[in-house]
Amino acid sequence: MRSPQVEAATGLPAKVTIYEVGPRDGLQNEKTIVPAATKVEFIRRLEAAGLGTIETTSFVPARWVPQMGDAEEVLAGLGADGLGRRRPALVPNERGLDRAEELGLGAIAIFGSATETFARKNLNRSVSEQYAMFEPVVERALANGMWVRAYVSMCFGDPWEGPVPVAQVVDTAERLMDLGCHELSLGDTIGVGTTGHVHRLLEALATRGIGTDRMAVHFHDTYGQALANTMAALRDGVSVVDAAAGGLGGCPYAKSATGNLATEDLVWALHGAGVETGVDLDALVETSVWMAGQLGRPSPSNVVRALAGA
């Protein structure tokens, strides 16, 4: 059996946009450097499988995240296909934006934190100081016609600070969106969120005027809750979901963070519910099996394991 039986589910969007983060968030925590040519091939295979939006790389200093030290080489390998609005790259500051602008990128993402400890570890800034760092980045990017996404990490819990108040997350999200960002991605960086928590946060964001039409969700699967939390968000009106092919991922600054929601697991669930994604599941599974071979370990995705062994 290579595809789920389709039984249309109520309360879900007719179509979901998958924001594929495998090449960036999925690979950034690898202990050995993945060659740029392998990353380019990975992105090409994801494109061929029907994933329209793919976050390709990150313009962070190589001393911070060594796996992303080849951003220019990866984008050169992709050519014009790596520069459009559907090929965003992470940009932490104005120096990173300089690099993105030199290459002619059409889309970027900034990466904020809802907690003080993670802001210090990830950005070397306080929560309040991060906005001053991001403001000129977003202003310049918008002036140049770029599409801009804002990530908020530690939305559902922090390994150093524990539970994160919903109001604290909403304050951070509002400040980032007030900069002019087009889309907000809510990150469960260490995978501790639950469905009720998801609903409460989306409800609170709506009261501040941040609707689900400008929102994405980004769940890690540490406690096996990523898919359940995603489906809860979709039932609340979200229609953009971050996922990583093969369930790749982690965070170099939060050691308790495990892999992202596997794109294959998400696609299986959505296709079974009658939701359109535009993704060829068989081609995607083949891609993740190939990448697992490059990394020298099996994919953690349940669907990849099931279909690859079928």
Protein backbone atom coordinates (compact mmCIF):
# COMPACT_ATOMS: atom_id res chain seq x y z
CA MET A 1 0.00 0.00 0.00
CA ARG A 2 1.69 3.21 -1.21
CA SER A 3 -0.98 5.77 -0.35
CA PRO A 4 -3.62 6.20 2.35
CA GLN A 5 -7.29 5.52 1.83
CA VAL A 6 -8.91 8.92 1.36
CA GLU A 7 -11.71 9.79 3.75
CA ALA A 8 -12.32 13.52 3.70
CA ALA A 9 -12.07 15.11 7.14
CA THR A 10 -14.15 18.09 8.21
CA GLY A 11 -12.68 21.26 9.64
CA LEU A 12 -9.44 21.17 7.64
CA PRO A 13 -8.34 23.55 4.86
CA ALA A 14 -8.82 22.28 1.31
CA LYS A 15 -5.15 22.92 0.58
CA VAL A 16 -2.06 23.15 2.78
CA THR A 17 1.21 24.81 1.81
CA ILE A 18 4.21 22.86 3.07
CA TYR A 19 7.19 25.06 3.88
CA GLU A 20 10.04 22.57 3.54
CA VAL A 21 12.89 23.23 5.98
CA GLY A 22 14.96 20.09 5.46
CA PRO A 23 17.91 21.70 3.64
CA ARG A 24 18.31 24.38 6.32
CA ASP A 25 16.79 23.43 9.67
CA GLY A 26 17.06 19.76 8.85
CA LEU A 27 20.79 19.77 8.12
CA GLN A 28 22.09 22.55 10.35
CA ASN A 29 22.70 20.26 13.31
CA GLU A 30 24.58 17.50 11.49
CA LYS A 31 27.90 16.67 13.11
CA THR A 32 29.73 16.12 9.82
CA ILE A 33 29.65 18.65 7.00
CA VAL A 34 27.24 17.76 4.20
CA PRO A 35 28.82 18.76 0.86
CA ALA A 36 27.22 21.66 -0.99
CA ALA A 37 26.66 19.46 -4.04
CA THR A 38 24.66 17.02 -1.90
CA LYS A 39 22.52 19.88 -0.57
CA VAL A 40 21.86 21.11 -4.11
CA GLU A 41 20.83 17.61 -5.18
CA PHE A 42 18.59 17.33 -2.10
CA ILE A 43 16.82 20.58 -2.98
CA ARG A 44 16.44 19.53 -6.62
CA ARG A 45 14.88 16.23 -5.57
CA LEU A 46 12.50 18.02 -3.18
CA GLU A 47 11.45 20.33 -6.02
CA ALA A 48 10.83 17.36 -8.29
CA ALA A 49 8.65 15.79 -5.58
CA GLY A 50 6.37 18.83 -5.73
CA LEU A 51 7.52 20.90 -2.77
CA GLY A 52 7.08 24.47 -3.90
CA THR A 53 8.48 26.39 -0.93
CA ILE A 54 11.92 25.27 0.26
CA GLU A 55 14.14 27.10 2.75
CA THR A 56 17.54 26.56 1.18
CA THR A 57 20.22 27.81 3.56
CA SER A 58 21.23 30.30 6.24
CA PHE A 59 23.48 33.35 6.08
CA VAL A 60 24.94 32.89 9.53
CA PRO A 61 28.68 32.95 10.27
CA ALA A 62 30.24 29.52 9.75
CA ARG A 63 31.71 29.66 13.27
CA TRP A 64 28.13 29.69 14.63
CA VAL A 65 26.63 26.98 12.41
CA PRO A 66 29.35 25.22 10.39
CA GLN A 67 26.85 23.29 8.26
CA MET A 68 25.59 26.55 6.76
CA GLY A 69 29.01 27.94 5.88
CA ASP A 70 28.51 27.12 2.20
CA ALA A 71 25.42 29.26 1.54
CA GLU A 72 26.87 31.00 -1.50
CA GLU A 73 28.07 27.72 -2.98
CA VAL A 74 24.66 26.08 -2.53
CA LEU A 75 22.83 28.99 -4.13
CA ALA A 76 25.32 29.13 -6.97
CA GLY A 77 24.60 25.45 -7.60
CA LEU A 78 20.87 26.15 -7.73
CA GLY A 79 21.26 29.12 -10.06
CA ALA A 80 18.23 31.33 -10.65
CA ASP A 81 15.97 28.63 -9.16
CA GLY A 82 17.41 29.35 -5.71
CA LEU A 83 16.65 33.06 -5.64
CA GLY A 84 12.89 33.49 -5.87
CA ARG A 85 10.24 34.23 -3.28
CA ARG A 86 9.66 30.52 -2.77
CA ARG A 87 13.32 29.88 -1.89
CA PRO A 88 13.88 31.81 1.36
CA ALA A 89 17.09 31.78 3.37
CA LEU A 90 17.61 32.58 7.04
CA VAL A 91 19.22 35.97 7.70
CA PRO A 92 20.16 36.87 11.30
CA ASN A 93 21.45 40.42 10.87
CA GLU A 94 22.48 43.11 8.38
CA ARG A 95 25.73 41.34 7.49
CA GLY A 96 23.70 38.30 6.53
CA LEU A 97 21.34 40.50 4.53
CA ASP A 98 24.31 41.98 2.69
CA ARG A 99 25.22 38.48 1.52
CA ALA A 100 21.63 37.72 0.52
CA GLU A 101 21.32 40.97 -1.41
CA GLU A 102 24.58 40.41 -3.27
CA LEU A 103 23.14 37.15 -4.59
CA GLY A 104 19.77 38.68 -5.45
CA LEU A 105 17.59 36.65 -3.08
CA GLY A 106 13.88 37.35 -3.19
CA ALA A 107 12.93 36.02 0.25
CA ILE A 108 14.46 35.91 3.72
CA ALA A 109 13.54 34.78 7.22
CA ILE A 110 14.54 36.27 10.56
CA PHE A 111 14.71 34.12 13.68
CA GLY A 112 13.53 35.62 16.96
CA SER A 113 13.11 34.17 20.44
CA ALA A 114 10.28 34.37 22.96
CA THR A 115 12.66 33.71 25.86
CA GLU A 116 15.64 35.56 27.25
CA THR A 117 17.95 32.57 27.63
CA PHE A 118 17.52 31.35 24.08
CA ALA A 119 17.83 34.88 22.70
CA ARG A 120 21.20 35.15 24.46
CA LYS A 121 22.39 31.73 23.31
CA ASN A 122 21.14 31.97 19.74
CA LEU A 123 21.51 35.69 18.97
CA ASN A 124 23.80 37.04 21.71
CA ARG A 125 21.03 39.57 22.40
CA SER A 126 18.26 40.04 24.94
CA VAL A 127 14.67 39.70 23.78
CA SER A 128 14.31 43.49 23.67
CA GLU A 129 17.62 43.91 21.86
CA GLN A 130 16.69 41.43 19.13
CA TYR A 131 14.10 43.82 17.70
CA ALA A 132 16.72 46.54 17.21
CA MET A 133 18.86 44.01 15.33
CA PHE A 134 16.01 42.84 13.12
CA GLU A 135 14.44 46.24 12.38
CA PRO A 136 16.99 47.44 9.78
CA VAL A 137 17.11 43.96 8.24
CA VAL A 138 13.36 43.89 7.64
CA GLU A 139 13.22 47.54 6.59
CA ARG A 140 15.94 47.07 3.96
CA ALA A 141 14.53 43.78 2.74
CA LEU A 142 11.05 45.23 2.26
CA ALA A 143 12.48 48.26 0.49
CA ASN A 144 14.17 45.87 -1.93
CA GLY A 145 10.93 44.02 -2.60
CA MET A 146 11.81 40.90 -0.62
CA TRP A 147 9.30 38.60 1.05
CA VAL A 148 10.05 38.38 4.79
CA ARG A 149 9.15 35.68 7.28
CA ALA A 150 9.59 35.90 11.07
CA TYR A 151 10.24 32.82 13.17
CA VAL A 152 9.49 32.85 16.88
CA SER A 153 11.31 30.07 18.73
CA MET A 154 10.53 28.61 22.17
CA CYS A 155 6.81 29.27 21.81
CA PHE A 156 5.75 26.24 23.83
CA GLY A 157 8.57 25.70 26.30
CA ASP A 158 12.23 26.46 26.93
CA PRO A 159 14.84 23.94 28.17
CA TRP A 160 16.36 26.52 30.53
CA GLU A 161 13.32 28.54 31.60
CA GLY A 162 10.61 25.89 31.52
CA PRO A 163 7.03 26.77 30.55
CA VAL A 164 6.69 29.94 28.47
CA PRO A 165 3.61 32.10 29.19
CA VAL A 166 1.31 32.51 26.20
CA ALA A 167 1.26 36.28 26.69
CA GLN A 168 5.06 36.39 26.47
CA VAL A 169 4.99 34.60 23.11
CA VAL A 170 2.24 36.88 21.82
CA ASP A 171 4.21 39.99 22.81
CA THR A 172 7.23 38.72 20.88
CA ALA A 173 5.16 37.75 17.84
CA GLU A 174 3.44 41.12 17.77
CA ARG A 175 6.74 43.03 17.94
CA LEU A 176 8.17 41.00 15.06
CA MET A 177 5.10 41.36 12.88
CA ASP A 178 4.98 45.09 13.59
CA LEU A 179 8.30 45.30 11.75
CA GLY A 180 6.38 44.51 8.57
CA CYS A 181 7.00 40.77 8.13
CA HIS A 182 4.64 38.95 5.80
CA GLU A 183 4.43 35.67 7.69
CA LEU A 184 4.92 34.42 11.25
CA SER A 185 6.12 30.89 12.03
CA LEU A 186 5.46 29.63 15.55
CA GLY A 187 8.22 27.28 16.67
CA ASP A 188 7.94 24.47 19.19
CA THR A 189 11.72 24.26 19.30
CA ILE A 190 11.98 21.44 21.84
CA GLY A 191 8.77 19.64 20.92
CA VAL A 192 6.87 19.96 24.21
CA GLY A 193 3.64 21.51 22.90
CA THR A 194 0.21 19.90 23.16
CA THR A 195 -2.99 20.48 21.23
CA GLY A 196 -4.73 22.59 23.86
CA HIS A 197 -1.66 24.80 24.14
CA VAL A 198 -1.68 25.27 20.36
CA HIS A 199 -5.30 26.39 20.44
CA ARG A 200 -4.72 28.83 23.31
CA LEU A 201 -1.75 30.44 21.57
CA LEU A 202 -3.54 30.85 18.22
CA GLU A 203 -6.56 32.28 20.04
CA ALA A 204 -4.38 34.78 21.91
CA LEU A 205 -2.60 35.85 18.73
CA ALA A 206 -5.95 36.48 17.06
CA THR A 207 -6.89 38.93 19.81
CA ARG A 208 -3.81 40.97 18.85
CA GLY A 209 -4.81 41.02 15.18
CA ILE A 210 -2.42 38.30 14.01
CA GLY A 211 -4.70 35.97 12.10
CA THR A 212 -4.07 32.48 10.82
CA ASP A 213 -3.89 33.83 7.25
CA ARG A 214 -0.41 35.20 8.14
CA MET A 215 0.71 32.28 10.25
CA ALA A 216 2.66 29.04 9.95
CA VAL A 217 3.44 26.36 12.53
CA HIS A 218 6.77 24.63 13.10
CA PHE A 219 6.70 21.60 15.40
CA HIS A 220 9.53 19.35 16.51
CA ASP A 221 8.65 15.77 17.37
CA THR A 222 10.58 15.19 20.61
CA TYR A 223 7.51 13.85 22.45
CA GLY A 224 5.71 12.50 19.37
CA GLN A 225 3.23 15.41 19.33
CA ALA A 226 4.23 17.23 16.14
CA LEU A 227 1.58 15.79 13.83
CA ALA A 228 -1.22 16.06 16.40
CA ASN A 229 -0.29 19.67 17.12
CA THR A 230 -0.16 20.45 13.41
CA MET A 231 -3.62 19.00 12.79
CA ALA A 232 -4.94 21.05 15.72
CA ALA A 233 -3.48 24.22 14.18
CA LEU A 234 -5.01 23.38 10.79
CA ARG A 235 -8.42 22.98 12.39
CA ASP A 236 -7.97 26.46 13.86
CA GLY A 237 -7.39 27.92 10.38
CA VAL A 238 -3.62 27.69 9.78
CA SER A 239 -2.77 26.52 6.25
CA VAL A 240 1.06 26.78 6.14
CA VAL A 241 3.08 24.06 7.87
CA ASP A 242 6.85 23.77 8.29
CA ALA A 243 8.20 20.24 7.90
CA ALA A 244 11.48 18.51 7.04
CA ALA A 245 11.81 15.63 4.61
CA GLY A 246 12.65 12.46 6.49
CA GLY A 247 12.11 14.14 9.87
CA LEU A 248 15.58 15.68 9.81
CA GLY A 249 16.50 18.41 12.23
CA GLY A 250 17.49 19.74 15.58
CA CYS A 251 18.85 22.98 16.95
CA PRO A 252 22.54 23.65 17.65
CA TYR A 253 21.62 25.91 20.58
CA ALA A 254 18.91 23.72 22.16
CA LYS A 255 20.30 20.23 22.67
CA SER A 256 16.94 18.78 23.67
CA ALA A 257 15.46 19.63 20.25
CA THR A 258 15.06 16.59 18.04
CA GLY A 259 13.86 16.32 14.46
CA ASN A 260 11.15 18.33 12.78
CA LEU A 261 7.77 16.99 11.82
CA ALA A 262 8.55 14.65 8.91
CA THR A 263 7.15 15.95 5.64
CA GLU A 264 6.15 12.40 4.64
CA ASP A 265 4.16 11.88 7.85
CA LEU A 266 2.37 15.17 7.26
CA VAL A 267 1.63 14.38 3.61
CA TRP A 268 0.26 10.92 4.45
CA ALA A 269 -2.11 12.41 7.03
CA LEU A 270 -3.25 15.25 4.79
CA HIS A 271 -3.76 13.12 1.70
CA GLY A 272 -5.76 10.64 3.76
CA ALA A 273 -7.94 13.52 4.95
CA GLY A 274 -8.53 14.72 1.39
CA VAL A 275 -6.32 17.79 1.72
CA GLU A 276 -4.31 18.91 -1.31
CA THR A 277 -0.53 19.42 -0.93
CA GLY A 278 0.82 19.10 -4.47
CA VAL A 279 3.42 16.59 -3.22
CA ASP A 280 4.24 13.24 -4.83
CA LEU A 281 4.63 11.05 -1.74
CA ASP A 282 6.51 8.25 -3.48
CA ALA A 283 9.06 10.68 -4.93
CA LEU A 284 9.43 12.34 -1.54
CA VAL A 285 10.05 9.02 0.22
CA GLU A 286 12.67 8.13 -2.39
CA THR A 287 14.35 11.47 -1.72
CA SER A 288 14.46 10.89 2.03
CA VAL A 289 15.80 7.37 1.59
CA TRP A 290 18.52 8.82 -0.65
CA MET A 291 19.38 11.53 1.91
CA ALA A 292 19.44 8.98 4.73
CA GLY A 293 22.05 7.13 2.69
CA GLN A 294 24.10 10.29 2.37
CA LEU A 295 23.96 10.79 6.14
CA GLY A 296 24.65 7.16 6.92
CA ARG A 297 21.61 6.48 9.10
CA PRO A 298 17.94 5.55 8.62
CA SER A 299 15.24 8.19 8.43
CA PRO A 300 13.27 8.75 11.65
CA SER A 301 10.08 9.29 9.63
CA ASN A 302 7.47 6.61 10.29
CA VAL A 303 6.07 6.88 6.76
CA VAL A 304 9.50 6.67 5.16
CA ARG A 305 10.30 3.54 7.13
CA ALA A 306 6.93 1.97 6.31
CA LEU A 307 6.93 2.73 2.59
CA ALA A 308 10.63 2.12 2.01
CA GLY A 309 10.20 -1.35 3.45
CA ALA A 310 6.92 -2.09 1.68
